[in-house]
Protein backbone atom coordinates (compact mmCIF):
# COMPACT_ATOMS: atom_id res chain seq x y z
CA MET A 1 0.03 0.08 0.01
CA GLN A 2 1.42 3.31 -0.91
CA LEU A 3 1.88 6.09 1.74
CA LYS A 4 -0.83 8.23 0.18
CA ASP A 5 -3.35 5.45 0.16
CA LYS A 6 -2.57 4.70 3.88
CA VAL A 7 -2.83 8.55 4.85
CA ILE A 8 -6.17 8.69 2.93
CA GLY A 9 -7.47 5.74 4.63
CA ILE A 10 -6.67 6.97 8.06
CA ILE A 11 -8.35 10.41 7.20
CA ALA A 12 -11.33 8.63 5.65
CA GLU A 13 -11.79 6.61 8.77
CA GLN A 14 -11.87 9.80 11.03
CA ALA A 15 -14.32 11.35 8.55
CA VAL A 16 -16.54 8.13 8.64
CA LEU A 17 -16.27 8.23 4.79
CA GLU A 18 -14.94 5.75 2.15
CA PRO A 19 -11.61 6.39 1.01
CA SER A 20 -12.87 7.12 -2.39
CA ASP A 21 -14.71 10.14 -0.99
CA VAL A 22 -11.33 11.66 -0.05
CA THR A 23 -9.42 13.52 -2.65
CA MET A 24 -6.09 15.19 -2.50
CA ASP A 25 -7.88 18.58 -2.74
CA SER A 26 -10.29 17.94 0.16
CA THR A 27 -9.68 19.95 3.35
CA LEU A 28 -10.28 18.48 6.76
CA GLU A 29 -13.26 20.97 6.89
CA ASP A 30 -14.87 19.69 3.58
CA LEU A 31 -14.67 16.10 5.08
CA GLY A 32 -16.21 17.14 8.32
CA ILE A 33 -13.10 16.59 10.50
CA ASP A 34 -13.10 18.76 13.67
CA SER A 35 -10.25 19.51 15.79
CA LEU A 36 -10.64 16.34 17.88
CA GLY A 37 -10.81 14.43 14.77
CA LEU A 38 -7.75 16.10 13.57
CA VAL A 39 -5.83 15.05 16.79
CA GLU A 40 -6.93 11.52 16.47
CA SER A 41 -5.68 11.50 12.79
CA ILE A 42 -2.33 12.76 13.71
CA PHE A 43 -1.97 10.10 16.39
CA ALA A 44 -3.08 7.41 13.97
CA ILE A 45 -0.63 8.65 11.32
CA GLU A 46 2.29 8.73 13.83
CA GLU A 47 1.51 5.29 14.79
CA ALA A 48 1.13 3.94 11.38
CA PHE A 49 4.35 5.50 9.97
CA ASP A 50 6.56 5.41 13.23
CA ILE A 51 7.11 9.35 12.99
CA GLN A 52 6.61 12.30 15.07
CA VAL A 53 4.46 14.94 13.55
CA PRO A 54 5.62 18.40 14.64
CA PHE A 55 1.94 19.52 15.25
CA ASN A 56 0.61 21.90 17.84
CA ALA A 57 -3.03 20.79 18.60
CA ASN A 58 -3.73 24.09 20.51
CA ALA A 59 -2.58 26.27 17.46
CA PRO A 60 -2.78 24.18 14.36
CA ARG A 61 -2.36 27.29 12.11
CA GLU A 62 0.93 28.24 13.61
CA SER A 63 2.34 24.59 13.21
CA ASP A 64 5.09 23.76 10.81
CA PHE A 65 2.81 20.84 9.52
CA ASP A 66 0.51 21.91 6.79
CA ILE A 67 -3.04 20.69 7.29
CA SER A 68 -4.73 22.97 4.67
CA SER A 69 -5.46 19.96 2.33
CA VAL A 70 -5.10 16.03 2.15
CA ALA A 71 -2.38 16.64 -0.44
CA SER A 72 -0.54 19.08 1.89
CA ILE A 73 -0.80 16.25 4.71
CA VAL A 74 0.38 13.57 2.45
CA SER A 75 3.46 15.65 1.34
CA GLY A 76 4.31 16.62 4.77
CA ILE A 77 4.23 13.06 5.91
CA GLU A 78 6.33 11.88 2.92
CA ARG A 79 8.95 14.53 3.99
CA LEU A 80 8.77 13.34 7.74
CA VAL A 81 9.13 9.66 6.85
CA ARG A 82 12.29 10.46 4.60
CA GLU A 83 13.72 12.68 7.28
CA GLN A 84 12.99 10.43 10.37
CA HIS A 85 13.95 7.13 8.61
CA SER A 86 17.27 8.09 6.94
């Protein structure tokens, strides 16, 4: 399974949607994921990829981790996996 598909699966699970309903252009808001769902998604992603996401749940907009769309989340995770596993 590709990283992108795994991330989409985690996000879809939080949104209670099918992975096919989640596009790279989707925002978490589009998918109905609230701040608690976002935190749960981040925890699930960290566990799935054995990485630490630099994410401040209290100030997500000030974080170095871009959560503006599914595509930005996927690219951020790809970068973290490369950095933390090299």
